[in-house]
Amino acid sequence: MNIHHLELFYYVAAHGGISEAVRRMPYGIQQPAVSSQILQLEDDLGVKLFNRRPFQLTEEGEKLYKSIRPFFANLEKIADEIRPTRKHRIRIGASEIVLREHLPPIIEQVRRHFPGLSLSLRSGYQQQIEAWLLQDMIDLAVIALSSPPTPPISAQVLTVLPLVLLVPKGSPFKKAKDIWACDKIEETLISLPSTEPITDHFQKGLAAMEIDWPIGIEASSLMLIQEYVLNGYGVGLTVAIPNNRLNAGLRVISLEGFDPVEVAVLWQGQPAPLAQAFIEAMGARARNL
């Protein structure tokens, strides 16, 4: 078997498909090249390793993945251990919002105590991130929880944030009941993707009231939602962050009866000193917010 083909198969199996694997590879490679080389591997073995749509490893694929995973998953860790000058290295998984809006100041804070800090960052959703922790592909994660984490993963809740709606100051809506009273909600809902816990909790709350209000504009960040509401594109779904100053042109509408969002840091086993430093820094940032 070609060792490079095995490496490509490892990334495909670890990330649940060829397109996801291409995005996560540590070097550039095109999707057709991955597909072609995986087919060569299957030809060499004389078996099908996974079903494409929906993605699922076959029995033979599971067997091969379990065999090669310890080697490929630990390459970076082993390299760090045997380098003459060992650097402080940590692998963190988080949602894109956390990686973009909250992790940079935390990294800078920890870097002051751990010179030469090296990081590996991955974005994903709770199900993916828990799998990475269990497979020892990351050391730490910080995400908004959709559900309680799976044992043996440990969790520390950093903050609990209630859901709120944002409307322009001139909107006729003063309270949520003003919106629910409409026979049909005509305003466009501006929200994060449906996979985000904020959106998931909101839609479940609407379903309990038998209200249908699908996402009209899908935004990639909470700041972008504010901008869209300010520009009159619709009603924004977000969370109430303490001490967060909103634009004077916005009005906040509280949402009663909707589950809040818990933001937590996740890990497995006993955290190393570097991981513990990140956990403490994340807790401090949550308290400051």
Protein backbone atom coordinates (compact mmCIF):
# COMPACT_ATOMS: atom_id res chain seq x y z
CA MET A 1 0.00 0.00 0.00
CA ASN A 2 1.15 3.53 -0.82
CA ILE A 3 1.79 5.40 2.46
CA HIS A 4 0.55 8.68 0.95
CA HIS A 5 -2.72 7.02 -0.03
CA LEU A 6 -3.09 5.83 3.56
CA GLU A 7 -2.51 9.36 4.83
CA LEU A 8 -5.23 10.72 2.54
CA PHE A 9 -7.61 7.99 3.66
CA TYR A 10 -6.86 8.87 7.30
CA TYR A 11 -7.94 12.49 6.76
CA VAL A 12 -11.04 11.44 4.81
CA ALA A 13 -12.10 9.02 7.57
CA ALA A 14 -11.24 11.44 10.40
CA HIS A 15 -13.21 14.35 8.90
CA GLY A 16 -16.15 12.49 7.39
CA GLY A 17 -15.63 12.91 3.67
CA ILE A 18 -13.29 14.01 0.90
CA SER A 19 -14.36 17.67 0.74
CA GLU A 20 -13.91 18.11 4.51
CA ALA A 21 -10.56 16.33 4.37
CA VAL A 22 -9.30 18.72 1.66
CA ARG A 23 -10.11 21.68 3.91
CA ARG A 24 -8.32 20.13 6.91
CA MET A 25 -5.19 18.81 5.19
CA PRO A 26 -1.97 20.42 6.47
CA TYR A 27 -0.86 20.98 2.88
CA GLY A 28 -2.60 21.97 -0.32
CA ILE A 29 -4.20 19.27 -2.45
CA GLN A 30 -7.17 19.36 -4.82
CA GLN A 31 -10.30 17.27 -4.29
CA PRO A 32 -10.00 15.35 -7.61
CA ALA A 33 -6.48 14.28 -6.66
CA VAL A 34 -7.68 12.95 -3.30
CA SER A 35 -10.58 11.09 -4.94
CA SER A 36 -8.28 9.55 -7.54
CA GLN A 37 -5.72 8.34 -5.00
CA ILE A 38 -8.39 6.94 -2.67
CA LEU A 39 -9.74 4.95 -5.63
CA GLN A 40 -6.22 3.62 -6.26
CA LEU A 41 -6.02 2.53 -2.61
CA GLU A 42 -9.36 0.73 -2.92
CA ASP A 43 -8.16 -0.94 -6.13
CA ASP A 44 -4.96 -2.09 -4.40
CA LEU A 45 -6.96 -3.58 -1.53
CA GLY A 46 -9.79 -4.89 -3.67
CA VAL A 47 -12.46 -3.49 -1.31
CA LYS A 48 -14.63 -0.41 -0.92
CA LEU A 49 -13.50 1.63 2.09
CA PHE A 50 -16.44 4.00 2.50
CA ASN A 51 -19.79 5.01 1.06
CA ARG A 52 -19.71 8.49 -0.46
CA ARG A 53 -23.24 9.88 0.13
CA PRO A 54 -23.98 9.85 2.96
CA PHE A 55 -20.43 9.27 4.15
CA GLN A 56 -19.95 6.06 6.12
CA LEU A 57 -16.96 3.77 6.52
CA THR A 58 -17.45 0.19 5.45
CA GLU A 59 -16.41 -2.64 7.76
CA GLU A 60 -13.08 -2.85 5.91
CA GLY A 61 -12.69 0.94 6.09
CA GLU A 62 -13.27 0.92 9.86
CA LYS A 63 -10.64 -1.78 10.29
CA LEU A 64 -8.06 0.11 8.23
CA TYR A 65 -8.82 3.44 9.94
CA LYS A 66 -8.42 1.96 13.44
CA SER A 67 -5.08 0.50 12.37
CA ILE A 68 -3.53 3.68 10.90
CA ARG A 69 -5.13 6.31 13.19
CA PRO A 70 -2.63 6.04 16.10
CA PHE A 71 0.27 6.71 13.73
CA PHE A 72 -1.12 9.68 11.78
CA ALA A 73 -2.98 11.27 14.72
CA ASN A 74 0.20 11.43 16.81
CA LEU A 75 2.70 12.64 14.21
CA GLU A 76 2.66 16.29 15.34
CA LYS A 77 2.86 15.35 19.01
CA ILE A 78 5.82 13.00 18.46
CA ALA A 79 7.61 15.61 16.33
CA ASP A 80 7.28 18.15 19.14
CA GLU A 81 8.67 15.67 21.67
CA ILE A 82 11.80 14.78 19.70
CA ARG A 83 12.76 18.24 18.40
CA PRO A 84 15.99 19.54 20.03
CA THR A 85 14.22 22.72 21.13
CA ARG A 86 10.78 21.71 22.24
CA LYS A 87 8.09 24.33 21.83
CA HIS A 88 4.94 24.74 23.85
CA ARG A 89 2.25 23.36 21.56
CA ILE A 90 -1.51 23.00 21.94
CA ARG A 91 -4.28 21.88 19.60
CA ILE A 92 -7.59 23.71 20.03
CA GLY A 93 -10.97 23.09 18.46
CA ALA A 94 -13.74 25.70 18.48
CA SER A 95 -16.59 27.14 16.49
CA GLU A 96 -15.60 29.70 13.85
CA ILE A 97 -17.13 32.50 15.93
CA VAL A 98 -15.00 31.63 18.96
CA LEU A 99 -11.84 31.28 16.84
CA ARG A 100 -12.42 34.63 15.18
CA GLU A 101 -13.86 36.82 17.92
CA HIS A 102 -12.63 35.49 21.27
CA LEU A 103 -9.55 33.27 20.99
CA PRO A 104 -6.96 35.83 19.73
CA PRO A 105 -6.77 37.86 23.00
CA ILE A 106 -6.69 34.61 25.01
CA ILE A 107 -3.76 33.35 22.92
CA GLU A 108 -1.84 36.58 23.49
CA GLN A 109 -2.43 36.36 27.24
CA VAL A 110 -1.19 32.75 27.46
CA ARG A 111 1.75 33.45 25.13
CA ARG A 112 3.22 35.83 27.71
CA HIS A 113 3.68 32.89 30.09
CA PHE A 114 4.58 30.29 27.46
CA PRO A 115 7.13 31.84 25.03
CA GLY A 116 7.41 30.05 21.70
CA LEU A 117 3.78 28.97 21.88
CA SER A 118 2.72 26.97 18.83
CA LEU A 119 -0.92 26.32 18.00
CA SER A 120 -3.05 24.12 15.81
CA LEU A 121 -6.60 25.47 15.42
CA ARG A 122 -9.61 23.64 14.02
CA SER A 123 -13.15 24.87 13.55
CA GLY A 124 -16.08 22.53 13.94
CA TYR A 125 -19.37 21.75 15.63
CA GLN A 126 -19.88 19.95 18.93
CA GLN A 127 -20.22 16.46 17.45
CA GLN A 128 -17.03 16.83 15.40
CA ILE A 129 -15.10 18.41 18.26
CA GLU A 130 -16.06 15.68 20.75
CA ALA A 131 -14.87 13.06 18.25
CA TRP A 132 -11.54 14.89 17.88
CA LEU A 133 -11.09 14.98 21.66
CA LEU A 134 -11.84 11.27 22.00
CA GLN A 135 -9.43 10.48 19.15
CA ASP A 136 -6.70 12.66 20.73
CA MET A 137 -6.64 14.93 17.68
CA ILE A 138 -7.08 18.08 19.82
CA ASP A 139 -6.22 18.93 23.43
CA LEU A 140 -8.89 21.49 24.23
CA ALA A 141 -12.13 22.91 22.85
CA VAL A 142 -14.39 25.88 23.54
CA ILE A 143 -17.88 25.85 22.06
CA ALA A 144 -21.49 26.77 22.64
CA LEU A 145 -23.12 23.54 23.79
CA SER A 146 -25.98 21.99 21.88
CA SER A 147 -26.21 19.14 24.42
CA PRO A 148 -24.26 17.85 27.46
CA PRO A 149 -20.84 16.52 26.39
CA THR A 150 -20.29 12.77 26.11
CA PRO A 151 -18.26 11.08 28.91
CA PRO A 152 -15.32 10.80 29.45
CA ILE A 153 -15.11 14.38 28.15
CA SER A 154 -14.97 16.97 30.93
CA ALA A 155 -16.62 20.37 30.64
CA GLN A 156 -16.47 23.67 32.47
CA VAL A 157 -19.26 26.12 31.69
CA LEU A 158 -17.76 29.55 31.10
CA THR A 159 -20.95 31.56 30.77
CA VAL A 160 -24.69 31.25 30.16
CA LEU A 161 -26.16 33.69 27.64
CA PRO A 162 -29.89 34.33 27.11
CA LEU A 163 -31.28 34.65 23.60
CA VAL A 164 -32.48 38.07 22.44
CA LEU A 165 -33.76 39.69 19.25
CA LEU A 166 -32.42 42.89 17.73
CA VAL A 167 -34.63 45.37 15.89
CA PRO A 168 -33.99 48.92 14.64
CA LYS A 169 -34.88 51.64 17.15
CA GLY A 170 -37.81 52.72 14.96
CA SER A 171 -39.36 49.25 14.79
CA PRO A 172 -42.98 48.92 15.95
CA PHE A 173 -41.97 45.80 17.89
CA LYS A 174 -41.31 46.55 21.58
CA LYS A 175 -41.70 43.03 23.00
CA ALA A 176 -41.53 39.48 21.66
CA LYS A 177 -45.28 39.04 22.08
CA ASP A 178 -45.76 41.80 19.49
CA ILE A 179 -44.01 39.57 16.96
CA TRP A 180 -45.77 36.36 18.01
CA ALA A 181 -49.14 38.11 17.63
CA CYS A 182 -48.65 38.43 13.87
CA ASP A 183 -50.66 36.00 11.75
CA LYS A 184 -47.56 35.58 9.63
CA ILE A 185 -44.17 37.05 10.51
CA GLU A 186 -43.17 39.07 7.46
CA GLU A 187 -39.85 40.37 8.82
CA THR A 188 -36.72 38.57 7.63
CA LEU A 189 -34.96 36.57 10.36
CA ILE A 190 -31.21 37.25 10.41
CA SER A 191 -29.38 34.46 12.21
CA LEU A 192 -26.28 32.33 12.48
CA PRO A 193 -26.33 28.99 10.58
CA SER A 194 -28.85 26.41 11.76
CA THR A 195 -26.02 24.25 13.16
CA GLU A 196 -25.18 26.90 15.78
CA PRO A 197 -26.76 26.37 19.25
CA ILE A 198 -28.16 29.93 19.27
CA THR A 199 -30.23 29.20 16.18
CA ASP A 200 -31.07 25.65 17.26
CA HIS A 201 -32.43 26.79 20.67
CA PHE A 202 -34.45 29.56 19.03
CA GLN A 203 -36.06 27.29 16.43
CA LYS A 204 -36.93 24.70 19.11
CA GLY A 205 -38.59 27.45 21.16
CA LEU A 206 -40.56 28.59 18.12
CA ALA A 207 -41.64 25.01 17.40
CA ALA A 208 -42.97 24.68 20.97
CA MET A 209 -45.19 27.72 20.28
CA GLU A 210 -46.10 26.32 16.85
CA ILE A 211 -44.58 29.36 15.13
CA ASP A 212 -42.81 29.05 11.79
CA TRP A 213 -40.06 31.63 11.18
CA PRO A 214 -37.23 30.26 9.01
CA ILE A 215 -33.86 31.93 8.55
CA GLY A 216 -34.00 34.56 5.81
CA ILE A 217 -30.40 35.78 6.02
CA GLU A 218 -27.65 33.50 7.32
CA ALA A 219 -24.76 35.50 8.81
CA SER A 220 -21.33 34.27 9.83
CA SER A 221 -20.92 36.39 12.99
CA LEU A 222 -22.92 38.19 15.66
CA MET A 223 -21.38 41.51 14.60
CA LEU A 224 -22.58 40.97 11.06
CA ILE A 225 -26.11 40.33 12.36
CA GLN A 226 -26.03 43.72 14.11
CA GLU A 227 -24.89 45.45 10.91
CA TYR A 228 -27.67 43.85 8.88
CA VAL A 229 -30.32 44.89 11.41
CA LEU A 230 -28.96 48.45 11.45
CA ASN A 231 -29.27 48.56 7.67
CA GLY A 232 -32.93 47.53 7.86
CA TYR A 233 -32.60 44.02 6.46
CA GLY A 234 -34.69 42.34 9.17
CA VAL A 235 -34.80 41.13 12.79
CA GLY A 236 -31.58 39.71 14.24
CA LEU A 237 -31.17 36.73 16.57
CA THR A 238 -28.28 36.97 19.01
CA VAL A 239 -27.38 36.56 22.70
CA ALA A 240 -27.24 39.11 25.51
CA ILE A 241 -23.60 39.63 26.46
CA PRO A 242 -23.10 41.54 29.74
CA ASN A 243 -21.42 44.95 29.39
CA ASN A 244 -21.64 44.72 25.61
CA ARG A 245 -22.56 48.16 24.23
CA LEU A 246 -24.88 47.93 21.26
CA ASN A 247 -25.24 50.60 18.61
CA ALA A 248 -27.66 53.33 19.70
CA GLY A 249 -29.77 52.56 16.63
CA LEU A 250 -30.70 49.11 17.92
CA ARG A 251 -33.32 47.89 20.37
CA VAL A 252 -33.01 44.62 22.34
CA ILE A 253 -36.09 42.41 22.74
CA SER A 254 -35.91 39.80 25.51
CA LEU A 255 -37.01 36.24 24.79
CA GLU A 256 -38.73 34.45 27.66
CA GLY A 257 -39.18 30.70 27.59
CA PHE A 258 -36.23 30.03 25.27
CA ASP A 259 -33.30 27.93 26.48
CA PRO A 260 -30.13 30.01 26.98
CA VAL A 261 -26.81 29.08 25.39
CA GLU A 262 -24.05 27.59 27.54
CA VAL A 263 -20.50 28.29 26.41
CA ALA A 264 -18.07 25.73 27.79
CA VAL A 265 -14.47 24.58 27.55
CA LEU A 266 -14.03 20.83 26.95
CA TRP A 267 -11.09 18.48 27.50
CA GLN A 268 -10.32 14.85 28.19
CA GLY A 269 -8.20 13.47 31.03
CA GLN A 270 -5.91 15.60 33.19
CA PRO A 271 -5.13 18.93 31.47
CA ALA A 272 -1.43 19.65 30.91
CA PRO A 273 -0.07 22.94 32.36
CA LEU A 274 -0.47 24.72 29.00
CA ALA A 275 -4.05 23.49 28.59
CA GLN A 276 -4.81 24.52 32.18
CA ALA A 277 -3.47 28.01 31.43
CA PHE A 278 -5.88 28.27 28.49
CA ILE A 279 -8.80 27.05 30.63
CA GLU A 280 -8.06 29.73 33.25
CA ALA A 281 -7.64 32.45 30.60
CA MET A 282 -10.93 31.47 28.99
CA GLY A 283 -12.67 31.64 32.37
CA ALA A 284 -11.20 35.09 33.01
CA ARG A 285 -12.35 36.39 29.63
CA ALA A 286 -15.86 35.05 30.23
CA ARG A 287 -16.00 36.83 33.61
CA ASN A 288 -14.76 40.07 32.07
CA LEU A 289 -17.43 39.90 29.38
